[in-house]
Amino acid sequence: MTNLRIALAGLRRRRLGPTLVAVVLAVAFVAGTLIYRDTAEAALYDEYARGARNVGVALTARGGARIAPSTVDALRAEPGVAAADGRMADGGPRRQGRVAADHGTGLVRPES
């Protein structure tokens, strides 16, 4: 017990208390930042993986072309295919729930 008292008295005399508090806070801040980064990264990867859950094969049309619904129907009829689903993925802006893009010539809305 006396050793603890001597150590605390030495810290007070040398004014190392504020330095100790600063070091503890800095370490806590760095640890918290790293934990937050890892958590956010894991959540992002989980979000990407959720879109591909239970997908065996994905077909993608090139150059903005569309895959015909008859192609999806033909895939459903193939042996060994449990289910086939058509999805439309686009990164364009939306207006009133429809894809809209401005290519300098005005508003272009694809046919539905």
PDB file of N, CA and C in Angstrom:
ATOM      1  N   MET A   1       0.824  -1.188   0.000  1.00  0.00           N
ATOM      2  CA  MET A   1       0.000   0.000   0.000  1.00  0.00           C
ATOM      3  C   MET A   1       0.867   1.249   0.000  1.00  0.00           C
ATOM      4  N   THR A   2       1.987   1.182   0.702  1.00  0.00           N
ATOM      5  CA  THR A   2       2.857   2.359   0.753  1.00  0.00           C
ATOM      6  C   THR A   2       3.525   2.610  -0.595  1.00  0.00           C
ATOM      7  N   ASN A   3       3.796   1.538  -1.333  1.00  0.00           N
ATOM      8  CA  ASN A   3       4.386   1.720  -2.669  1.00  0.00           C
ATOM      9  C   ASN A   3       3.436   2.468  -3.586  1.00  0.00           C
ATOM     10  N   LEU A   4       2.143   2.173  -3.483  1.00  0.00           N
ATOM     11  CA  LEU A   4       1.137   2.861  -4.299  1.00  0.00           C
ATOM     12  C   LEU A   4       1.081   4.336  -3.933  1.00  0.00           C
ATOM     13  N   ARG A   5       1.140   4.627  -2.628  1.00  0.00           N
ATOM     14  CA  ARG A   5       1.126   6.026  -2.178  1.00  0.00           C
ATOM     15  C   ARG A   5       2.349   6.775  -2.678  1.00  0.00           C
ATOM     16  N   ILE A   6       3.497   6.119  -2.646  1.00  0.00           N
ATOM     17  CA  ILE A   6       4.735   6.750  -3.118  1.00  0.00           C
ATOM     18  C   ILE A   6       4.647   7.014  -4.626  1.00  0.00           C
ATOM     19  N   ALA A   7       4.110   6.034  -5.359  1.00  0.00           N
ATOM     20  CA  ALA A   7       3.975   6.197  -6.816  1.00  0.00           C
ATOM     21  C   ALA A   7       3.026   7.338  -7.148  1.00  0.00           C
ATOM     22  N   LEU A   8       1.892   7.409  -6.460  1.00  0.00           N
ATOM     23  CA  LEU A   8       0.936   8.496  -6.709  1.00  0.00           C
ATOM     24  C   LEU A   8       1.507   9.850  -6.323  1.00  0.00           C
ATOM     25  N   ALA A   9       2.270   9.906  -5.230  1.00  0.00           N
ATOM     26  CA  ALA A   9       2.902  11.164  -4.822  1.00  0.00           C
ATOM     27  C   ALA A   9       3.923  11.604  -5.856  1.00  0.00           C
ATOM     28  N   GLY A  10       4.655  10.661  -6.422  1.00  0.00           N
ATOM     29  CA  GLY A  10       5.625  10.985  -7.471  1.00  0.00           C
ATOM     30  C   GLY A  10       4.938  11.515  -8.725  1.00  0.00           C
ATOM     31  N   LEU A  11       3.811  10.918  -9.070  1.00  0.00           N
ATOM     32  CA  LEU A  11       3.063  11.400 -10.237  1.00  0.00           C
ATOM     33  C   LEU A  11       2.574  12.825 -10.013  1.00  0.00           C
ATOM     34  N   ARG A  12       2.101  13.113  -8.806  1.00  0.00           N
ATOM     35  CA  ARG A  12       1.618  14.462  -8.508  1.00  0.00           C
ATOM     36  C   ARG A  12       2.759  15.475  -8.536  1.00  0.00           C
ATOM     37  N   ARG A  13       3.889  15.080  -8.015  1.00  0.00           N
ATOM     38  CA  ARG A  13       5.022  16.001  -7.971  1.00  0.00           C
ATOM     39  C   ARG A  13       5.535  16.323  -9.370  1.00  0.00           C
ATOM     40  N   ARG A  14       5.571  15.325 -10.220  1.00  0.00           N
ATOM     41  CA  ARG A  14       6.100  15.522 -11.572  1.00  0.00           C
ATOM     42  C   ARG A  14       5.009  15.972 -12.549  1.00  0.00           C
ATOM     43  N   ARG A  15       3.785  16.045 -12.096  1.00  0.00           N
ATOM     44  CA  ARG A  15       2.638  16.458 -12.906  1.00  0.00           C
ATOM     45  C   ARG A  15       2.473  15.565 -14.136  1.00  0.00           C
ATOM     46  N   LEU A  16       2.597  14.285 -13.933  1.00  0.00           N
ATOM     47  CA  LEU A  16       2.422  13.323 -15.010  1.00  0.00           C
ATOM     48  C   LEU A  16       0.971  12.883 -15.156  1.00  0.00           C
ATOM     49  N   GLY A  17       0.138  13.287 -14.219  1.00  0.00           N
ATOM     50  CA  GLY A  17      -1.279  12.904 -14.283  1.00  0.00           C
ATOM     51  C   GLY A  17      -1.957  13.361 -15.564  1.00  0.00           C
ATOM     52  N   PRO A  18      -1.878  14.654 -15.922  1.00  0.00           N
ATOM     53  CA  PRO A  18      -2.497  15.103 -17.178  1.00  0.00           C
ATOM     54  C   PRO A  18      -1.909  14.411 -18.405  1.00  0.00           C
ATOM     55  N   THR A  19      -0.619  14.133 -18.374  1.00  0.00           N
ATOM     56  CA  THR A  19       0.004  13.423 -19.496  1.00  0.00           C
ATOM     57  C   THR A  19      -0.555  12.015 -19.605  1.00  0.00           C
ATOM     58  N   LEU A  20      -0.700  11.357 -18.456  1.00  0.00           N
ATOM     59  CA  LEU A  20      -1.272  10.011 -18.449  1.00  0.00           C
ATOM     60  C   LEU A  20      -2.693  10.012 -18.991  1.00  0.00           C
ATOM     61  N   VAL A  21      -3.493  10.979 -18.567  1.00  0.00           N
ATOM     62  CA  VAL A  21      -4.876  11.087 -19.049  1.00  0.00           C
ATOM     63  C   VAL A  21      -4.883  11.315 -20.556  1.00  0.00           C
ATOM     64  N   ALA A  22      -3.991  12.173 -21.056  1.00  0.00           N
ATOM     65  CA  ALA A  22      -3.923  12.450 -22.489  1.00  0.00           C
ATOM     66  C   ALA A  22      -3.549  11.199 -23.280  1.00  0.00           C
ATOM     67  N   VAL A  23      -2.611  10.427 -22.776  1.00  0.00           N
ATOM     68  CA  VAL A  23      -2.202   9.203 -23.458  1.00  0.00           C
ATOM     69  C   VAL A  23      -3.349   8.193 -23.478  1.00  0.00           C
ATOM     70  N   VAL A  24      -4.031   8.043 -22.364  1.00  0.00           N
ATOM     71  CA  VAL A  24      -5.156   7.098 -22.296  1.00  0.00           C
ATOM     72  C   VAL A  24      -6.261   7.524 -23.267  1.00  0.00           C
ATOM     73  N   LEU A  25      -6.572   8.814 -23.307  1.00  0.00           N
ATOM     74  CA  LEU A  25      -7.599   9.302 -24.227  1.00  0.00           C
ATOM     75  C   LEU A  25      -7.187   9.111 -25.682  1.00  0.00           C
ATOM     76  N   ALA A  26      -5.923   9.352 -25.999  1.00  0.00           N
ATOM     77  CA  ALA A  26      -5.444   9.174 -27.372  1.00  0.00           C
ATOM     78  C   ALA A  26      -5.538   7.712 -27.803  1.00  0.00           C
ATOM     79  N   VAL A  27      -5.131   6.822 -26.926  1.00  0.00           N
ATOM     80  CA  VAL A  27      -5.214   5.396 -27.246  1.00  0.00           C
ATOM     81  C   VAL A  27      -6.675   4.976 -27.419  1.00  0.00           C
ATOM     82  N   ALA A  28      -7.554   5.469 -26.570  1.00  0.00           N
ATOM     83  CA  ALA A  28      -8.977   5.139 -26.688  1.00  0.00           C
ATOM     84  C   ALA A  28      -9.549   5.681 -27.996  1.00  0.00           C
ATOM     85  N   PHE A  29      -9.149   6.885 -28.378  1.00  0.00           N
ATOM     86  CA  PHE A  29      -9.635   7.472 -29.628  1.00  0.00           C
ATOM     87  C   PHE A  29      -9.179   6.660 -30.831  1.00  0.00           C
ATOM     88  N   VAL A  30      -7.905   6.278 -30.872  1.00  0.00           N
ATOM     89  CA  VAL A  30      -7.391   5.480 -31.987  1.00  0.00           C
ATOM     90  C   VAL A  30      -8.069   4.119 -32.031  1.00  0.00           C
ATOM     91  N   ALA A  31      -8.225   3.482 -30.877  1.00  0.00           N
ATOM     92  CA  ALA A  31      -8.887   2.173 -30.835  1.00  0.00           C
ATOM     93  C   ALA A  31     -10.333   2.292 -31.301  1.00  0.00           C
ATOM     94  N   GLY A  32     -11.037   3.325 -30.861  1.00  0.00           N
ATOM     95  CA  GLY A  32     -12.420   3.524 -31.288  1.00  0.00           C
ATOM     96  C   GLY A  32     -12.537   3.764 -32.776  1.00  0.00           C
ATOM     97  N   THR A  33     -11.596   4.531 -33.335  1.00  0.00           N
ATOM     98  CA  THR A  33     -11.602   4.784 -34.774  1.00  0.00           C
ATOM     99  C   THR A  33     -11.381   3.498 -35.555  1.00  0.00           C
ATOM    100  N   LEU A  34     -10.446   2.680 -35.134  1.00  0.00           N
ATOM    101  CA  LEU A  34     -10.176   1.416 -35.828  1.00  0.00           C
ATOM    102  C   LEU A  34     -11.358   0.462 -35.718  1.00  0.00           C
ATOM    103  N   ILE A  35     -11.975   0.406 -34.567  1.00  0.00           N
ATOM    104  CA  ILE A  35     -13.153  -0.461 -34.398  1.00  0.00           C
ATOM    105  C   ILE A  35     -14.298   0.014 -35.291  1.00  0.00           C
ATOM    106  N   TYR A  36     -14.516   1.330 -35.341  1.00  0.00           N
ATOM    107  CA  TYR A  36     -15.577   1.873 -36.201  1.00  0.00           C
ATOM    108  C   TYR A  36     -15.298   1.558 -37.671  1.00  0.00           C
ATOM    109  N   ARG A  37     -14.041   1.725 -38.109  1.00  0.00           N
ATOM    110  CA  ARG A  37     -13.695   1.449 -39.502  1.00  0.00           C
ATOM    111  C   ARG A  37     -13.953  -0.008 -39.851  1.00  0.00           C
ATOM    112  N   ASP A  38     -13.533  -0.909 -38.988  1.00  0.00           N
ATOM    113  CA  ASP A  38     -13.737  -2.341 -39.250  1.00  0.00           C
ATOM    114  C   ASP A  38     -15.219  -2.690 -39.282  1.00  0.00           C
ATOM    115  N   THR A  39     -15.997  -2.097 -38.393  1.00  0.00           N
ATOM    116  CA  THR A  39     -17.431  -2.363 -38.364  1.00  0.00           C
ATOM    117  C   THR A  39     -18.113  -1.837 -39.624  1.00  0.00           C
ATOM    118  N   ALA A  40     -17.757  -0.631 -40.050  1.00  0.00           N
ATOM    119  CA  ALA A  40     -18.347  -0.058 -41.256  1.00  0.00           C
ATOM    120  C   ALA A  40     -17.957  -0.862 -42.486  1.00  0.00           C
ATOM    121  N   GLU A  41     -16.712  -1.309 -42.550  1.00  0.00           N
ATOM    122  CA  GLU A  41     -16.253  -2.118 -43.674  1.00  0.00           C
ATOM    123  C   GLU A  41     -17.000  -3.448 -43.736  1.00  0.00           C
ATOM    124  N   ALA A  42     -17.180  -4.092 -42.597  1.00  0.00           N
ATOM    125  CA  ALA A  42     -17.909  -5.363 -42.558  1.00  0.00           C
ATOM    126  C   ALA A  42     -19.361  -5.168 -42.984  1.00  0.00           C
ATOM    127  N   ALA A  43     -19.977  -4.066 -42.567  1.00  0.00           N
ATOM    128  CA  ALA A  43     -21.363  -3.796 -42.954  1.00  0.00           C
ATOM    129  C   ALA A  43     -21.471  -3.564 -44.456  1.00  0.00           C
ATOM    130  N   LEU A  44     -20.498  -2.880 -45.041  1.00  0.00           N
ATOM    131  CA  LEU A  44     -20.513  -2.633 -46.483  1.00  0.00           C
ATOM    132  C   LEU A  44     -20.377  -3.937 -47.251  1.00  0.00           C
ATOM    133  N   TYR A  45     -19.431  -4.784 -46.857  1.00  0.00           N
ATOM    134  CA  TYR A  45     -19.268  -6.074 -47.531  1.00  0.00           C
ATOM    135  C   TYR A  45     -20.512  -6.941 -47.369  1.00  0.00           C
ATOM    136  N   ASP A  46     -21.133  -6.892 -46.213  1.00  0.00           N
ATOM    137  CA  ASP A  46     -22.353  -7.664 -45.989  1.00  0.00           C
ATOM    138  C   ASP A  46     -23.474  -7.178 -46.897  1.00  0.00           C
ATOM    139  N   GLU A  47     -23.547  -5.870 -47.111  1.00  0.00           N
ATOM    140  CA  GLU A  47     -24.585  -5.314 -47.986  1.00  0.00           C
ATOM    141  C   GLU A  47     -24.376  -5.768 -49.430  1.00  0.00           C
ATOM    142  N   TYR A  48     -23.121  -5.784 -49.884  1.00  0.00           N
ATOM    143  CA  TYR A  48     -22.834  -6.271 -51.233  1.00  0.00           C
ATOM    144  C   TYR A  48     -23.158  -7.755 -51.356  1.00  0.00           C
ATOM    145  N   ALA A  49     -22.828  -8.530 -50.346  1.00  0.00           N
ATOM    146  CA  ALA A  49     -23.062  -9.974 -50.396  1.00  0.00           C
ATOM    147  C   ALA A  49     -24.541 -10.306 -50.353  1.00  0.00           C
ATOM    148  N   ARG A  50     -25.336  -9.466 -49.703  1.00  0.00           N
ATOM    149  CA  ARG A  50     -26.766  -9.726 -49.590  1.00  0.00           C
ATOM    150  C   ARG A  50     -27.435  -9.741 -50.973  1.00  0.00           C
ATOM    151  N   GLY A  51     -26.958  -8.900 -51.886  1.00  0.00           N
ATOM    152  CA  GLY A  51     -27.531  -8.857 -53.235  1.00  0.00           C
ATOM    153  C   GLY A  51     -27.244 -10.106 -54.038  1.00  0.00           C
ATOM    154  N   ALA A  52     -26.207 -10.847 -53.690  1.00  0.00           N
ATOM    155  CA  ALA A  52     -25.829 -12.040 -54.442  1.00  0.00           C
ATOM    156  C   ALA A  52     -26.138 -13.330 -53.696  1.00  0.00           C
ATOM    157  N   ARG A  53     -26.909 -13.254 -52.631  1.00  0.00           N
ATOM    158  CA  ARG A  53     -27.229 -14.447 -51.857  1.00  0.00           C
ATOM    159  C   ARG A  53     -28.061 -15.407 -52.698  1.00  0.00           C
ATOM    160  N   ASN A  54     -27.727 -16.672 -52.628  1.00  0.00           N
ATOM    161  CA  ASN A  54     -28.433 -17.746 -53.331  1.00  0.00           C
ATOM    162  C   ASN A  54     -28.418 -17.574 -54.844  1.00  0.00           C
ATOM    163  N   VAL A  55     -27.396 -16.922 -55.388  1.00  0.00           N
ATOM    164  CA  VAL A  55     -27.258 -16.763 -56.832  1.00  0.00           C
ATOM    165  C   VAL A  55     -26.140 -17.677 -57.293  1.00  0.00           C
ATOM    166  N   GLY A  56     -26.471 -18.561 -58.229  1.00  0.00           N
ATOM    167  CA  GLY A  56     -25.469 -19.466 -58.771  1.00  0.00           C
ATOM    168  C   GLY A  56     -24.798 -18.875 -59.994  1.00  0.00           C
ATOM    169  N   VAL A  57     -25.581 -18.258 -60.880  1.00  0.00           N
ATOM    170  CA  VAL A  57     -25.073 -17.684 -62.120  1.00  0.00           C
ATOM    171  C   VAL A  57     -25.795 -16.371 -62.352  1.00  0.00           C
ATOM    172  N   ALA A  58     -25.058 -15.377 -62.823  1.00  0.00           N
ATOM    173  CA  ALA A  58     -25.660 -14.086 -63.167  1.00  0.00           C
ATOM    174  C   ALA A  58     -25.332 -13.759 -64.616  1.00  0.00           C
ATOM    175  N   LEU A  59     -26.332 -13.398 -65.386  1.00  0.00           N
ATOM    176  CA  LEU A  59     -26.147 -12.984 -66.775  1.00  0.00           C
ATOM    177  C   LEU A  59     -26.249 -11.473 -66.839  1.00  0.00           C
ATOM    178  N   THR A  60     -25.347 -10.861 -67.599  1.00  0.00           N
ATOM    179  CA  THR A  60     -25.346  -9.411 -67.738  1.00  0.00           C
ATOM    180  C   THR A  60     -25.281  -9.067 -69.215  1.00  0.00           C
ATOM    181  N   ALA A  61     -26.167  -8.202 -69.658  1.00  0.00           N
ATOM    182  CA  ALA A  61     -26.144  -7.748 -71.049  1.00  0.00           C
ATOM    183  C   ALA A  61     -25.098  -6.660 -71.200  1.00  0.00           C
ATOM    184  N   ARG A  62     -24.460  -6.608 -72.355  1.00  0.00           N
ATOM    185  CA  ARG A  62     -23.411  -5.612 -72.593  1.00  0.00           C
ATOM    186  C   ARG A  62     -23.958  -4.399 -73.330  1.00  0.00           C
ATOM    187  N   GLY A  63     -23.318  -3.284 -73.106  1.00  0.00           N
ATOM    188  CA  GLY A  63     -23.607  -2.084 -73.874  1.00  0.00           C
ATOM    189  C   GLY A  63     -25.004  -1.528 -73.692  1.00  0.00           C
ATOM    190  N   GLY A  64     -25.585  -1.713 -72.545  1.00  0.00           N
ATOM    191  CA  GLY A  64     -26.909  -1.162 -72.288  1.00  0.00           C
ATOM    192  C   GLY A  64     -28.035  -1.976 -72.889  1.00  0.00           C
ATOM    193  N   ALA A  65     -27.710  -3.118 -73.497  1.00  0.00           N
ATOM    194  CA  ALA A  65     -28.750  -3.983 -74.061  1.00  0.00           C
ATOM    195  C   ALA A  65     -29.539  -4.641 -72.943  1.00  0.00           C
ATOM    196  N   ARG A  66     -30.677  -5.173 -73.295  1.00  0.00           N
ATOM    197  CA  ARG A  66     -31.517  -5.865 -72.309  1.00  0.00           C
ATOM    198  C   ARG A  66     -31.594  -7.341 -72.629  1.00  0.00           C
ATOM    199  N   ILE A  67     -31.718  -8.131 -71.600  1.00  0.00           N
ATOM    200  CA  ILE A  67     -31.946  -9.568 -71.782  1.00  0.00           C
ATOM    201  C   ILE A  67     -33.452  -9.759 -71.916  1.00  0.00           C
ATOM    202  N   ALA A  68     -33.844 -10.439 -72.962  1.00  0.00           N
ATOM    203  CA  ALA A  68     -35.266 -10.627 -73.247  1.00  0.00           C
ATOM    204  C   ALA A  68     -35.923 -11.507 -72.187  1.00  0.00           C
ATOM    205  N   PRO A  69     -37.181 -11.238 -71.861  1.00  0.00           N
ATOM    206  CA  PRO A  69     -37.895 -12.102 -70.900  1.00  0.00           C
ATOM    207  C   PRO A  69     -37.948 -13.559 -71.353  1.00  0.00           C
ATOM    208  N   SER A  70     -37.932 -13.785 -72.673  1.00  0.00           N
ATOM    209  CA  SER A  70     -37.947 -15.171 -73.158  1.00  0.00           C
ATOM    210  C   SER A  70     -36.663 -15.900 -72.763  1.00  0.00           C
ATOM    211  N   THR A  71     -35.552 -15.187 -72.647  1.00  0.00           N
ATOM    212  CA  THR A  71     -34.297 -15.797 -72.212  1.00  0.00           C
ATOM    213  C   THR A  71     -34.402 -16.257 -70.763  1.00  0.00           C
ATOM    214  N   VAL A  72     -35.033 -15.432 -69.927  1.00  0.00           N
ATOM    215  CA  VAL A  72     -35.230 -15.804 -68.523  1.00  0.00           C
ATOM    216  C   VAL A  72     -36.147 -17.018 -68.439  1.00  0.00           C
ATOM    217  N   ASP A  73     -37.200 -17.032 -69.271  1.00  0.00           N
ATOM    218  CA  ASP A  73     -38.106 -18.189 -69.292  1.00  0.00           C
ATOM    219  C   ASP A  73     -37.374 -19.452 -69.739  1.00  0.00           C
ATOM    220  N   ALA A  74     -36.481 -19.319 -70.730  1.00  0.00           N
ATOM    221  CA  ALA A  74     -35.712 -20.479 -71.208  1.00  0.00           C
ATOM    222  C   ALA A  74     -34.773 -20.987 -70.116  1.00  0.00           C
ATOM    223  N   LEU A  75     -34.212 -20.069 -69.339  1.00  0.00           N
ATOM    224  CA  LEU A  75     -33.349 -20.491 -68.233  1.00  0.00           C
ATOM    225  C   LEU A  75     -34.135 -21.244 -67.171  1.00  0.00           C
ATOM    226  N   ARG A  76     -35.354 -20.815 -66.909  1.00  0.00           N
ATOM    227  CA  ARG A  76     -36.197 -21.512 -65.919  1.00  0.00           C
ATOM    228  C   ARG A  76     -36.468 -22.953 -66.339  1.00  0.00           C
ATOM    229  N   ALA A  77     -36.559 -23.185 -67.659  1.00  0.00           N
ATOM    230  CA  ALA A  77     -36.894 -24.512 -68.174  1.00  0.00           C
ATOM    231  C   ALA A  77     -35.699 -25.464 -68.198  1.00  0.00           C
ATOM    232  N   GLU A  78     -34.494 -24.938 -68.020  1.00  0.00           N
ATOM    233  CA  GLU A  78     -33.293 -25.783 -68.052  1.00  0.00           C
ATOM    234  C   GLU A  78     -33.275 -26.743 -66.865  1.00  0.00           C
ATOM    235  N   PRO A  79     -32.809 -27.985 -67.087  1.00  0.00           N
ATOM    236  CA  PRO A  79     -32.706 -28.922 -65.972  1.00  0.00           C
ATOM    237  C   PRO A  79     -31.643 -28.464 -64.976  1.00  0.00           C
ATOM    238  N   GLY A  80     -31.937 -28.617 -63.693  1.00  0.00           N
ATOM    239  CA  GLY A  80     -31.015 -28.250 -62.640  1.00  0.00           C
ATOM    240  C   GLY A  80     -31.169 -26.810 -62.164  1.00  0.00           C
ATOM    241  N   VAL A  81     -32.056 -26.061 -62.797  1.00  0.00           N
ATOM    242  CA  VAL A  81     -32.280 -24.676 -62.387  1.00  0.00           C
ATOM    243  C   VAL A  81     -33.468 -24.648 -61.426  1.00  0.00           C
ATOM    244  N   ALA A  82     -33.209 -24.239 -60.207  1.00  0.00           N
ATOM    245  CA  ALA A  82     -34.274 -24.181 -59.209  1.00  0.00           C
ATOM    246  C   ALA A  82     -35.174 -22.982 -59.446  1.00  0.00           C
ATOM    247  N   ALA A  83     -34.584 -21.859 -59.793  1.00  0.00           N
ATOM    248  CA  ALA A  83     -35.365 -20.646 -60.029  1.00  0.00           C
ATOM    249  C   ALA A  83     -34.531 -19.687 -60.855  1.00  0.00           C
ATOM    250  N   ALA A  84     -35.201 -18.896 -61.656  1.00  0.00           N
ATOM    251  CA  ALA A  84     -34.540 -17.849 -62.435  1.00  0.00           C
ATOM    252  C   ALA A  84     -35.365 -16.580 -62.280  1.00  0.00           C
ATOM    253  N   ASP A  85     -34.667 -15.490 -62.061  1.00  0.00           N
ATOM    254  CA  ASP A  85     -35.360 -14.232 -61.810  1.00  0.00           C
ATOM    255  C   ASP A  85     -34.671 -13.133 -62.601  1.00  0.00           C
ATOM    256  N   GLY A  86     -35.441 -12.312 -63.257  1.00  0.00           N
ATOM    257  CA  GLY A  86     -34.884 -11.189 -63.995  1.00  0.00           C
ATOM    258  C   GLY A  86     -34.814  -9.964 -63.101  1.00  0.00           C
ATOM    259  N   ARG A  87     -33.696  -9.290 -63.123  1.00  0.00           N
ATOM    260  CA  ARG A  87     -33.521  -8.066 -62.341  1.00  0.00           C
ATOM    261  C   ARG A  87     -32.986  -6.977 -63.246  1.00  0.00           C
ATOM    262  N   MET A  88     -33.412  -5.767 -62.976  1.00  0.00           N
ATOM    263  CA  MET A  88     -32.884  -4.639 -63.732  1.00  0.00           C
ATOM    264  C   MET A  88     -31.999  -3.843 -62.793  1.00  0.00           C
ATOM    265  N   ALA A  89     -30.745  -3.728 -63.150  1.00  0.00           N
ATOM    266  CA  ALA A  89     -29.802  -2.960 -62.329  1.00  0.00           C
ATOM    267  C   ALA A  89     -29.349  -1.753 -63.126  1.00  0.00           C
ATOM    268  N   ASP A  90     -29.487  -0.608 -62.542  1.00  0.00           N
ATOM    269  CA  ASP A  90     -29.027   0.609 -63.196  1.00  0.00           C
ATOM    270  C   ASP A  90     -28.557   1.577 -62.141  1.00  0.00           C
ATOM    271  N   GLY A  91     -27.680   2.448 -62.535  1.00  0.00           N
ATOM    272  CA  GLY A  91     -27.159   3.420 -61.599  1.00  0.00           C
ATOM    273  C   GLY A  91     -27.626   4.825 -61.919  1.00  0.00           C
ATOM    274  N   GLY A  92     -28.621   4.915 -62.779  1.00  0.00           N
ATOM    275  CA  GLY A  92     -29.061   6.234 -63.219  1.00  0.00           C
ATOM    276  C   GLY A  92     -29.976   6.916 -62.232  1.00  0.00           C
ATOM    277  N   PRO A  93     -30.157   8.213 -62.419  1.00  0.00           N
ATOM    278  CA  PRO A  93     -31.076   8.944 -61.542  1.00  0.00           C
ATOM    279  C   PRO A  93     -32.517   8.537 -61.800  1.00  0.00           C
ATOM    280  N   ARG A  94     -33.365   8.730 -60.813  1.00  0.00           N
ATOM    281  CA  ARG A  94     -34.773   8.350 -60.942  1.00  0.00           C
ATOM    282  C   ARG A  94     -35.662   9.559 -60.714  1.00  0.00           C
ATOM    283  N   ARG A  95     -36.728   9.607 -61.488  1.00  0.00           N
ATOM    284  CA  ARG A  95     -37.759  10.612 -61.299  1.00  0.00           C
ATOM    285  C   ARG A  95     -39.099   9.887 -61.314  1.00  0.00           C
ATOM    286  N   GLN A  96     -39.828  10.048 -60.259  1.00  0.00           N
ATOM    287  CA  GLN A  96     -41.137   9.403 -60.101  1.00  0.00           C
ATOM    288  C   GLN A  96     -41.038   7.888 -60.289  1.00  0.00           C
ATOM    289  N   GLY A  97     -39.954   7.303 -59.764  1.00  0.00           N
ATOM    290  CA  GLY A  97     -39.799   5.856 -59.788  1.00  0.00           C
ATOM    291  C   GLY A  97     -39.297   5.299 -61.100  1.00  0.00           C
ATOM    292  N   ARG A  98     -39.064   6.131 -62.110  1.00  0.00           N
ATOM    293  CA  ARG A  98     -38.589   5.646 -63.407  1.00  0.00           C
ATOM    294  C   ARG A  98     -37.192   6.180 -63.660  1.00  0.00           C
ATOM    295  N   VAL A  99     -36.419   5.418 -64.426  1.00  0.00           N
ATOM    296  CA  VAL A  99     -35.066   5.827 -64.737  1.00  0.00           C
ATOM    297  C   VAL A  99     -35.115   7.046 -65.647  1.00  0.00           C
ATOM    298  N   ALA A 100     -34.331   8.051 -65.327  1.00  0.00           N
ATOM    299  CA  ALA A 100     -34.272   9.262 -66.144  1.00  0.00           C
ATOM    300  C   ALA A 100     -32.822   9.685 -66.269  1.00  0.00           C
ATOM    301  N   ALA A 101     -32.417  10.067 -67.471  1.00  0.00           N
ATOM    302  CA  ALA A 101     -31.044  10.514 -67.686  1.00  0.00           C
ATOM    303  C   ALA A 101     -31.050  11.728 -68.592  1.00  0.00           C
ATOM    304  N   ASP A 102     -30.185  12.658 -68.313  1.00  0.00           N
ATOM    305  CA  ASP A 102     -30.062  13.849 -69.134  1.00  0.00           C
ATOM    306  C   ASP A 102     -28.732  13.770 -69.856  1.00  0.00           C
ATOM    307  N   HIS A 103     -28.793  13.571 -71.180  1.00  0.00           N
ATOM    308  CA  HIS A 103     -27.565  13.442 -71.974  1.00  0.00           C
ATOM    309  C   HIS A 103     -27.306  14.725 -72.765  1.00  0.00           C
ATOM    310  N   GLY A 104     -27.785  15.835 -72.298  1.00  0.00           N
ATOM    311  CA  GLY A 104     -27.572  17.088 -72.984  1.00  0.00           C
ATOM    312  C   GLY A 104     -28.635  17.405 -74.012  1.00  0.00           C
ATOM    313  N   THR A 105     -29.528  16.471 -74.291  1.00  0.00           N
ATOM    314  CA  THR A 105     -30.568  16.702 -75.286  1.00  0.00           C
ATOM    315  C   THR A 105     -31.939  16.735 -74.638  1.00  0.00           C
ATOM    316  N   GLY A 106     -31.984  16.804 -73.340  1.00  0.00           N
ATOM    317  CA  GLY A 106     -33.257  16.795 -72.646  1.00  0.00           C
ATOM    318  C   GLY A 106     -33.419  15.524 -71.853  1.00  0.00           C
ATOM    319  N   LEU A 107     -34.586  15.356 -71.316  1.00  0.00           N
ATOM    320  CA  LEU A 107     -34.872  14.205 -70.459  1.00  0.00           C
ATOM    321  C   LEU A 107     -35.183  12.981 -71.317  1.00  0.00           C
ATOM    322  N   VAL A 108     -34.507  11.884 -71.045  1.00  0.00           N
ATOM    323  CA  VAL A 108     -34.710  10.636 -71.781  1.00  0.00           C
ATOM    324  C   VAL A 108     -35.320   9.640 -70.816  1.00  0.00           C
ATOM    325  N   ARG A 109     -36.489   9.135 -71.141  1.00  0.00           N
ATOM    326  CA  ARG A 109     -37.141   8.124 -70.320  1.00  0.00           C
ATOM    327  C   ARG A 109     -37.310   6.857 -71.144  1.00  0.00           C
ATOM    328  N   PRO A 110     -36.745   5.757 -70.671  1.00  0.00           N
ATOM    329  CA  PRO A 110     -36.907   4.499 -71.427  1.00  0.00           C
ATOM    330  C   PRO A 110     -38.356   4.036 -71.399  1.00  0.00           C
ATOM    331  N   GLU A 111     -38.710   3.305 -72.445  1.00  0.00           N
ATOM    332  CA  GLU A 111     -40.073   2.771 -72.524  1.00  0.00           C
ATOM    333  C   GLU A 111     -40.247   1.696 -71.456  1.00  0.00           C
ATOM    334  N   SER A 112     -41.465   1.643 -70.919  1.00  0.00           N
ATOM    335  CA  SER A 112     -41.707   0.618 -69.901  1.00  0.00           C
ATOM    336  C   SER A 112     -42.439  -0.562 -70.480  1.00  0.00           C
TER     337      SER A 112
END
